[in-house]
Amino acid sequence: MLDSKEMLDSKEIKELLINISNMYIEKEDELNDYDSVVGDGDHGVTMARGAKATKVKLESMLEGTCSSYFKAYSMTLVSTLGGAIGPLFGSIFLELAKACKDKESIGLEEISLGISNGAIKISSLGGAKVGDKTMIDSIYPAATSLMESFDSRITLKEALKFALEACETGVKSTIPLLAKKGRSKYLEEKSIGHQDAGATSFYYLLKEVKEYVEGRDIDENKKIH
């Protein structure tokens, strides 16, 4: 049986998701800058709008399960963001909701499964693959790393560390790529030399999860035993 310290309960999932929303609100200008060269320059505005809506939704839920919080986050993103970005980012949280259905707490197994299935769903929806200069370039290596960590039975904190490193490498790999999907593909060679905003957004999401788990461990160590 897994150590309780390796698991996140519903209260922690709600807190983590609100932290993710706050992060996207704070990163609005930075994400706009990444999108300004190879997109419409509004990726940060879009993510911040979704983040504000998800935060309101979560704070209005007095009770919930891990799955219901993830699902609420997903549905709010889809309804608020619209266009292609809503279903793409919403898929991540919806697959996490499915992975932890009927479970009171979740750990590496559910997180790795949810993100892996999210990557598959995103690829299916948008038709993107690694190398197309999209968020797939960051989520796929992160998902692969998480599944490998789960198979190796390492701790959640270690798994997130390795996954974030793989994710960062994936984000940086988009810089020299030629965009093949979305509006940026019409820029052709002009898209080369710029970091993809969607890939960056997922990196920051995963970074927030990693920092939350690390911070939780620090808080636990401060307690008097």
C-alpha atoms as a PDB file:
ATOM      1  CA  MET A   1       0.000   0.000   0.000  1.00  0.00           C
ATOM      2  CA  LEU A   2       1.268   3.483  -0.902  1.00  0.00           C
ATOM      3  CA  ASP A   3       2.402   5.902   1.794  1.00  0.00           C
ATOM      4  CA  SER A   4      -0.255   8.563   2.386  1.00  0.00           C
ATOM      5  CA  LYS A   5       2.419  11.191   1.734  1.00  0.00           C
ATOM      6  CA  GLU A   6       2.545   9.951  -1.861  1.00  0.00           C
ATOM      7  CA  MET A   7      -1.142  10.708  -2.367  1.00  0.00           C
ATOM      8  CA  LEU A   8      -3.150  13.896  -2.861  1.00  0.00           C
ATOM      9  CA  ASP A   9      -6.661  14.059  -1.448  1.00  0.00           C
ATOM     10  CA  SER A  10      -9.585  16.016  -2.872  1.00  0.00           C
ATOM     11  CA  LYS A  11      -8.908  19.086  -0.743  1.00  0.00           C
ATOM     12  CA  GLU A  12      -5.328  19.203  -2.025  1.00  0.00           C
ATOM     13  CA  ILE A  13      -6.447  18.714  -5.628  1.00  0.00           C
ATOM     14  CA  LYS A  14      -8.788  21.687  -5.298  1.00  0.00           C
ATOM     15  CA  GLU A  15      -5.989  23.794  -3.818  1.00  0.00           C
ATOM     16  CA  LEU A  16      -3.568  22.694  -6.555  1.00  0.00           C
ATOM     17  CA  LEU A  17      -6.031  23.568  -9.323  1.00  0.00           C
ATOM     18  CA  ILE A  18      -6.605  27.025  -7.846  1.00  0.00           C
ATOM     19  CA  ASN A  19      -2.821  27.475  -7.764  1.00  0.00           C
ATOM     20  CA  ILE A  20      -2.703  26.554 -11.459  1.00  0.00           C
ATOM     21  CA  SER A  21      -5.383  29.146 -12.179  1.00  0.00           C
ATOM     22  CA  ASN A  22      -3.441  31.813 -10.268  1.00  0.00           C
ATOM     23  CA  MET A  23      -0.318  30.896 -12.210  1.00  0.00           C
ATOM     24  CA  TYR A  24      -1.993  31.415 -15.599  1.00  0.00           C
ATOM     25  CA  ILE A  25      -3.333  34.774 -14.451  1.00  0.00           C
ATOM     26  CA  GLU A  26       0.188  35.808 -13.412  1.00  0.00           C
ATOM     27  CA  LYS A  27       1.743  34.502 -16.651  1.00  0.00           C
ATOM     28  CA  GLU A  28      -0.659  36.358 -18.960  1.00  0.00           C
ATOM     29  CA  ASP A  29       1.843  38.874 -20.349  1.00  0.00           C
ATOM     30  CA  GLU A  30       4.661  36.362 -20.689  1.00  0.00           C
ATOM     31  CA  LEU A  31       2.502  33.904 -22.626  1.00  0.00           C
ATOM     32  CA  ASN A  32       1.249  36.736 -24.831  1.00  0.00           C
ATOM     33  CA  ASP A  33       4.856  37.575 -25.668  1.00  0.00           C
ATOM     34  CA  TYR A  34       5.599  33.984 -26.741  1.00  0.00           C
ATOM     35  CA  ASP A  35       2.492  34.027 -28.918  1.00  0.00           C
ATOM     36  CA  SER A  36       3.046  37.484 -30.391  1.00  0.00           C
ATOM     37  CA  VAL A  37       5.554  36.337 -33.007  1.00  0.00           C
ATOM     38  CA  VAL A  38       4.012  33.092 -34.259  1.00  0.00           C
ATOM     39  CA  GLY A  39       0.361  33.545 -33.258  1.00  0.00           C
ATOM     40  CA  ASP A  40      -2.257  36.153 -32.508  1.00  0.00           C
ATOM     41  CA  GLY A  41      -0.478  37.351 -29.400  1.00  0.00           C
ATOM     42  CA  ASP A  42      -3.432  36.506 -27.200  1.00  0.00           C
ATOM     43  CA  HIS A  43      -2.536  33.092 -25.779  1.00  0.00           C
ATOM     44  CA  GLY A  44      -1.868  34.616 -22.361  1.00  0.00           C
ATOM     45  CA  VAL A  45      -5.138  36.549 -22.417  1.00  0.00           C
ATOM     46  CA  THR A  46      -7.001  33.392 -23.367  1.00  0.00           C
ATOM     47  CA  MET A  47      -5.410  31.238 -20.660  1.00  0.00           C
ATOM     48  CA  ALA A  48      -5.918  33.949 -18.048  1.00  0.00           C
ATOM     49  CA  ARG A  49      -9.589  34.255 -18.976  1.00  0.00           C
ATOM     50  CA  GLY A  50     -10.026  30.509 -18.536  1.00  0.00           C
ATOM     51  CA  ALA A  51      -8.062  30.597 -15.291  1.00  0.00           C
ATOM     52  CA  LYS A  52     -10.283  33.275 -13.782  1.00  0.00           C
ATOM     53  CA  ALA A  53     -13.394  31.286 -14.687  1.00  0.00           C
ATOM     54  CA  THR A  54     -12.015  28.018 -13.321  1.00  0.00           C
ATOM     55  CA  LYS A  55     -10.993  29.696 -10.082  1.00  0.00           C
ATOM     56  CA  VAL A  56     -14.498  31.060  -9.560  1.00  0.00           C
ATOM     57  CA  LYS A  57     -15.985  27.651 -10.346  1.00  0.00           C
ATOM     58  CA  LEU A  58     -13.728  25.765  -7.939  1.00  0.00           C
ATOM     59  CA  GLU A  59     -14.215  28.256  -5.115  1.00  0.00           C
ATOM     60  CA  SER A  60     -17.982  27.873  -5.493  1.00  0.00           C
ATOM     61  CA  MET A  61     -17.740  24.101  -4.957  1.00  0.00           C
ATOM     62  CA  LEU A  62     -18.084  23.538  -1.222  1.00  0.00           C
ATOM     63  CA  GLU A  63     -17.501  19.812  -1.564  1.00  0.00           C
ATOM     64  CA  GLY A  64     -16.070  17.588  -4.253  1.00  0.00           C
ATOM     65  CA  THR A  65     -13.985  14.577  -5.155  1.00  0.00           C
ATOM     66  CA  CYS A  66     -10.658  14.524  -6.948  1.00  0.00           C
ATOM     67  CA  SER A  67     -12.491  13.551 -10.105  1.00  0.00           C
ATOM     68  CA  SER A  68     -15.231  16.177  -9.802  1.00  0.00           C
ATOM     69  CA  TYR A  69     -12.703  18.978  -9.321  1.00  0.00           C
ATOM     70  CA  PHE A  70     -10.720  17.932 -12.390  1.00  0.00           C
ATOM     71  CA  LYS A  71     -13.903  17.570 -14.418  1.00  0.00           C
ATOM     72  CA  ALA A  72     -15.202  20.974 -13.343  1.00  0.00           C
ATOM     73  CA  TYR A  73     -11.877  22.524 -14.318  1.00  0.00           C
ATOM     74  CA  SER A  74     -12.020  20.827 -17.720  1.00  0.00           C
ATOM     75  CA  MET A  75     -15.620  21.758 -18.502  1.00  0.00           C
ATOM     76  CA  THR A  76     -15.068  25.373 -17.461  1.00  0.00           C
ATOM     77  CA  LEU A  77     -11.999  25.667 -19.681  1.00  0.00           C
ATOM     78  CA  VAL A  78     -13.864  24.247 -22.671  1.00  0.00           C
ATOM     79  CA  SER A  79     -16.855  26.544 -22.210  1.00  0.00           C
ATOM     80  CA  THR A  80     -14.758  29.643 -21.480  1.00  0.00           C
ATOM     81  CA  LEU A  81     -11.835  29.394 -23.894  1.00  0.00           C
ATOM     82  CA  GLY A  82     -13.698  28.233 -26.976  1.00  0.00           C
ATOM     83  CA  GLY A  83     -11.963  27.615 -30.290  1.00  0.00           C
ATOM     84  CA  ALA A  84      -9.322  24.891 -30.424  1.00  0.00           C
ATOM     85  CA  ILE A  85      -7.461  25.734 -27.238  1.00  0.00           C
ATOM     86  CA  GLY A  86     -10.390  24.958 -24.921  1.00  0.00           C
ATOM     87  CA  PRO A  87     -10.824  21.298 -25.898  1.00  0.00           C
ATOM     88  CA  LEU A  88      -7.050  20.790 -26.075  1.00  0.00           C
ATOM     89  CA  PHE A  89      -6.234  21.993 -22.564  1.00  0.00           C
ATOM     90  CA  GLY A  90      -9.565  20.748 -21.272  1.00  0.00           C
ATOM     91  CA  SER A  91      -8.614  17.230 -22.374  1.00  0.00           C
ATOM     92  CA  ILE A  92      -5.738  17.132 -19.893  1.00  0.00           C
ATOM     93  CA  PHE A  93      -8.005  17.738 -16.915  1.00  0.00           C
ATOM     94  CA  LEU A  94     -10.806  15.548 -18.242  1.00  0.00           C
ATOM     95  CA  GLU A  95      -8.429  12.592 -18.599  1.00  0.00           C
ATOM     96  CA  LEU A  96      -7.145  13.239 -15.082  1.00  0.00           C
ATOM     97  CA  ALA A  97     -10.765  13.179 -13.902  1.00  0.00           C
ATOM     98  CA  LYS A  98     -11.276   9.808 -15.570  1.00  0.00           C
ATOM     99  CA  ALA A  99      -8.030   8.425 -14.131  1.00  0.00           C
ATOM    100  CA  CYS A 100      -9.076   9.158 -10.559  1.00  0.00           C
ATOM    101  CA  LYS A 101     -12.765   8.263 -10.788  1.00  0.00           C
ATOM    102  CA  ASP A 102     -14.122   6.771  -7.539  1.00  0.00           C
ATOM    103  CA  LYS A 103     -10.815   7.384  -5.727  1.00  0.00           C
ATOM    104  CA  GLU A 104     -10.507   9.436  -2.562  1.00  0.00           C
ATOM    105  CA  SER A 105      -6.871  10.307  -3.222  1.00  0.00           C
ATOM    106  CA  ILE A 106      -4.493  10.092  -6.177  1.00  0.00           C
ATOM    107  CA  GLY A 107      -0.797   9.575  -6.750  1.00  0.00           C
ATOM    108  CA  LEU A 108       1.700   8.933  -9.497  1.00  0.00           C
ATOM    109  CA  GLU A 109      -0.401   6.199 -11.112  1.00  0.00           C
ATOM    110  CA  GLU A 110      -3.405   8.443 -11.712  1.00  0.00           C
ATOM    111  CA  ILE A 111      -1.343  11.489 -12.678  1.00  0.00           C
ATOM    112  CA  SER A 112       0.792   9.573 -15.170  1.00  0.00           C
ATOM    113  CA  LEU A 113      -2.251   7.854 -16.683  1.00  0.00           C
ATOM    114  CA  GLY A 114      -4.246  11.068 -16.911  1.00  0.00           C
ATOM    115  CA  ILE A 115      -1.493  13.085 -18.564  1.00  0.00           C
ATOM    116  CA  SER A 116      -0.589  10.244 -20.932  1.00  0.00           C
ATOM    117  CA  ASN A 117      -4.188   9.857 -22.051  1.00  0.00           C
ATOM    118  CA  GLY A 118      -4.431  13.623 -22.280  1.00  0.00           C
ATOM    119  CA  ALA A 119      -1.492  13.669 -24.683  1.00  0.00           C
ATOM    120  CA  ILE A 120      -3.142  10.997 -26.819  1.00  0.00           C
ATOM    121  CA  LYS A 121      -6.431  12.908 -26.854  1.00  0.00           C
ATOM    122  CA  ILE A 122      -4.768  16.201 -27.762  1.00  0.00           C
ATOM    123  CA  SER A 123      -2.882  14.550 -30.614  1.00  0.00           C
ATOM    124  CA  SER A 124      -6.113  12.999 -31.844  1.00  0.00           C
ATOM    125  CA  LEU A 125      -8.071  16.256 -31.668  1.00  0.00           C
ATOM    126  CA  GLY A 126      -5.481  18.466 -33.315  1.00  0.00           C
ATOM    127  CA  GLY A 127      -3.665  15.921 -35.444  1.00  0.00           C
ATOM    128  CA  ALA A 128      -0.338  17.110 -34.062  1.00  0.00           C
ATOM    129  CA  LYS A 129       2.682  14.958 -33.354  1.00  0.00           C
ATOM    130  CA  VAL A 130       6.105  15.559 -31.814  1.00  0.00           C
ATOM    131  CA  GLY A 131       8.043  17.936 -34.037  1.00  0.00           C
ATOM    132  CA  ASP A 132       5.061  19.970 -35.225  1.00  0.00           C
ATOM    133  CA  LYS A 133       5.845  22.859 -32.829  1.00  0.00           C
ATOM    134  CA  THR A 134       2.795  22.484 -30.583  1.00  0.00           C
ATOM    135  CA  MET A 135       2.045  21.622 -26.956  1.00  0.00           C
ATOM    136  CA  ILE A 136       2.537  17.970 -27.922  1.00  0.00           C
ATOM    137  CA  ASP A 137       6.276  18.670 -27.949  1.00  0.00           C
ATOM    138  CA  SER A 138       6.158  19.299 -24.200  1.00  0.00           C
ATOM    139  CA  ILE A 139       3.341  17.051 -22.985  1.00  0.00           C
ATOM    140  CA  TYR A 140       4.476  13.895 -24.793  1.00  0.00           C
ATOM    141  CA  PRO A 141       7.988  13.680 -23.261  1.00  0.00           C
ATOM    142  CA  ALA A 142       6.527  14.563 -19.857  1.00  0.00           C
ATOM    143  CA  ALA A 143       3.913  11.810 -20.161  1.00  0.00           C
ATOM    144  CA  THR A 144       6.524   9.289 -21.269  1.00  0.00           C
ATOM    145  CA  SER A 145       8.742  10.198 -18.320  1.00  0.00           C
ATOM    146  CA  LEU A 146       5.859   9.883 -15.839  1.00  0.00           C
ATOM    147  CA  MET A 147       4.884   6.442 -17.116  1.00  0.00           C
ATOM    148  CA  GLU A 148       8.501   5.280 -16.930  1.00  0.00           C
ATOM    149  CA  SER A 149       8.725   6.597 -13.372  1.00  0.00           C
ATOM    150  CA  PHE A 150       5.552   4.776 -12.408  1.00  0.00           C
ATOM    151  CA  ASP A 151       6.934   1.532 -13.839  1.00  0.00           C
ATOM    152  CA  SER A 152      10.124   2.106 -11.835  1.00  0.00           C
ATOM    153  CA  ARG A 153       8.103   2.740  -8.645  1.00  0.00           C
ATOM    154  CA  ILE A 154       9.923   5.942  -7.714  1.00  0.00           C
ATOM    155  CA  THR A 155       8.374   8.653  -5.575  1.00  0.00           C
ATOM    156  CA  LEU A 156       5.892  11.188  -6.896  1.00  0.00           C
ATOM    157  CA  LYS A 157       8.274  14.054  -6.145  1.00  0.00           C
ATOM    158  CA  GLU A 158      11.129  12.401  -8.052  1.00  0.00           C
ATOM    159  CA  ALA A 159       8.828  11.505 -10.928  1.00  0.00           C
ATOM    160  CA  LEU A 160       7.635  15.091 -11.288  1.00  0.00           C
ATOM    161  CA  LYS A 161      11.223  16.344 -11.226  1.00  0.00           C
ATOM    162  CA  PHE A 162      12.213  14.046 -14.093  1.00  0.00           C
ATOM    163  CA  ALA A 163       9.022  14.792 -16.008  1.00  0.00           C
ATOM    164  CA  LEU A 164       9.554  18.555 -15.739  1.00  0.00           C
ATOM    165  CA  GLU A 165      13.109  18.171 -17.038  1.00  0.00           C
ATOM    166  CA  ALA A 166      11.820  16.181 -20.020  1.00  0.00           C
ATOM    167  CA  CYS A 167       9.071  18.752 -20.531  1.00  0.00           C
ATOM    168  CA  GLU A 168      11.529  21.656 -20.495  1.00  0.00           C
ATOM    169  CA  THR A 169      13.685  19.912 -23.088  1.00  0.00           C
ATOM    170  CA  GLY A 170      10.565  19.485 -25.199  1.00  0.00           C
ATOM    171  CA  VAL A 171       9.661  23.157 -24.905  1.00  0.00           C
ATOM    172  CA  LYS A 172      13.154  24.246 -25.945  1.00  0.00           C
ATOM    173  CA  SER A 173      13.028  21.830 -28.876  1.00  0.00           C
ATOM    174  CA  THR A 174      10.220  23.919 -30.398  1.00  0.00           C
ATOM    175  CA  ILE A 175      12.500  26.939 -30.894  1.00  0.00           C
ATOM    176  CA  PRO A 176      14.259  25.730 -34.073  1.00  0.00           C
ATOM    177  CA  LEU A 177      11.174  23.969 -35.459  1.00  0.00           C
ATOM    178  CA  LEU A 178       9.033  24.982 -38.406  1.00  0.00           C
ATOM    179  CA  ALA A 179       5.400  25.270 -37.319  1.00  0.00           C
ATOM    180  CA  LYS A 180       3.131  22.716 -38.986  1.00  0.00           C
ATOM    181  CA  LYS A 181      -0.121  23.260 -37.113  1.00  0.00           C
ATOM    182  CA  GLY A 182      -2.340  26.178 -36.173  1.00  0.00           C
ATOM    183  CA  ARG A 183      -2.163  29.675 -37.571  1.00  0.00           C
ATOM    184  CA  SER A 184       1.590  29.853 -37.082  1.00  0.00           C
ATOM    185  CA  LYS A 185       2.097  27.327 -39.890  1.00  0.00           C
ATOM    186  CA  TYR A 186       1.232  30.083 -42.374  1.00  0.00           C
ATOM    187  CA  LEU A 187       4.328  32.000 -41.264  1.00  0.00           C
ATOM    188  CA  GLU A 188       6.471  29.166 -42.641  1.00  0.00           C
ATOM    189  CA  GLU A 189      10.188  29.926 -42.029  1.00  0.00           C
ATOM    190  CA  LYS A 190       9.310  32.954 -39.891  1.00  0.00           C
ATOM    191  CA  SER A 191       8.087  30.582 -37.190  1.00  0.00           C
ATOM    192  CA  ILE A 192      11.620  29.213 -36.758  1.00  0.00           C
ATOM    193  CA  GLY A 193      13.552  30.558 -33.772  1.00  0.00           C
ATOM    194  CA  HIS A 194      10.581  31.112 -31.489  1.00  0.00           C
ATOM    195  CA  GLN A 195       9.322  29.065 -28.535  1.00  0.00           C
ATOM    196  CA  ASP A 196       5.797  27.679 -28.832  1.00  0.00           C
ATOM    197  CA  ALA A 197       3.315  29.280 -26.437  1.00  0.00           C
ATOM    198  CA  GLY A 198       1.134  26.187 -26.016  1.00  0.00           C
ATOM    199  CA  ALA A 199       4.108  24.008 -25.152  1.00  0.00           C
ATOM    200  CA  THR A 200       5.214  26.642 -22.662  1.00  0.00           C
ATOM    201  CA  SER A 201       1.751  26.721 -21.072  1.00  0.00           C
ATOM    202  CA  PHE A 202       1.843  23.001 -20.377  1.00  0.00           C
ATOM    203  CA  TYR A 203       5.364  23.314 -18.962  1.00  0.00           C
ATOM    204  CA  TYR A 204       4.141  25.895 -16.457  1.00  0.00           C
ATOM    205  CA  LEU A 205       1.186  23.659 -15.551  1.00  0.00           C
ATOM    206  CA  LEU A 206       3.483  20.744 -14.761  1.00  0.00           C
ATOM    207  CA  LYS A 207       5.884  23.034 -12.909  1.00  0.00           C
ATOM    208  CA  GLU A 208       3.016  24.148 -10.685  1.00  0.00           C
ATOM    209  CA  VAL A 209       2.176  20.526  -9.868  1.00  0.00           C
ATOM    210  CA  LYS A 210       5.806  19.777  -9.025  1.00  0.00           C
ATOM    211  CA  GLU A 211       6.151  22.838  -6.808  1.00  0.00           C
ATOM    212  CA  TYR A 212       2.888  22.062  -5.021  1.00  0.00           C
ATOM    213  CA  VAL A 213       4.030  18.529  -4.168  1.00  0.00           C
ATOM    214  CA  GLU A 214       7.419  19.810  -3.003  1.00  0.00           C
ATOM    215  CA  GLY A 215       5.792  22.527  -0.922  1.00  0.00           C
ATOM    216  CA  ARG A 216       3.445  20.038   0.653  1.00  0.00           C
ATOM    217  CA  ASP A 217       6.412  17.917   1.738  1.00  0.00           C
ATOM    218  CA  ILE A 218       8.083  20.988   3.264  1.00  0.00           C
ATOM    219  CA  ASP A 219       4.897  21.818   5.196  1.00  0.00           C
ATOM    220  CA  GLU A 220       4.706  18.231   6.428  1.00  0.00           C
ATOM    221  CA  ASN A 221       8.287  18.348   7.690  1.00  0.00           C
ATOM    222  CA  LYS A 222       7.550  21.502   9.652  1.00  0.00           C
ATOM    223  CA  LYS A 223       4.872  19.774  11.693  1.00  0.00           C
ATOM    224  CA  ILE A 224       5.662  18.656  15.242  1.00  0.00           C
ATOM    225  CA  HIS A 225       5.580  14.857  15.364  1.00  0.00           C
END
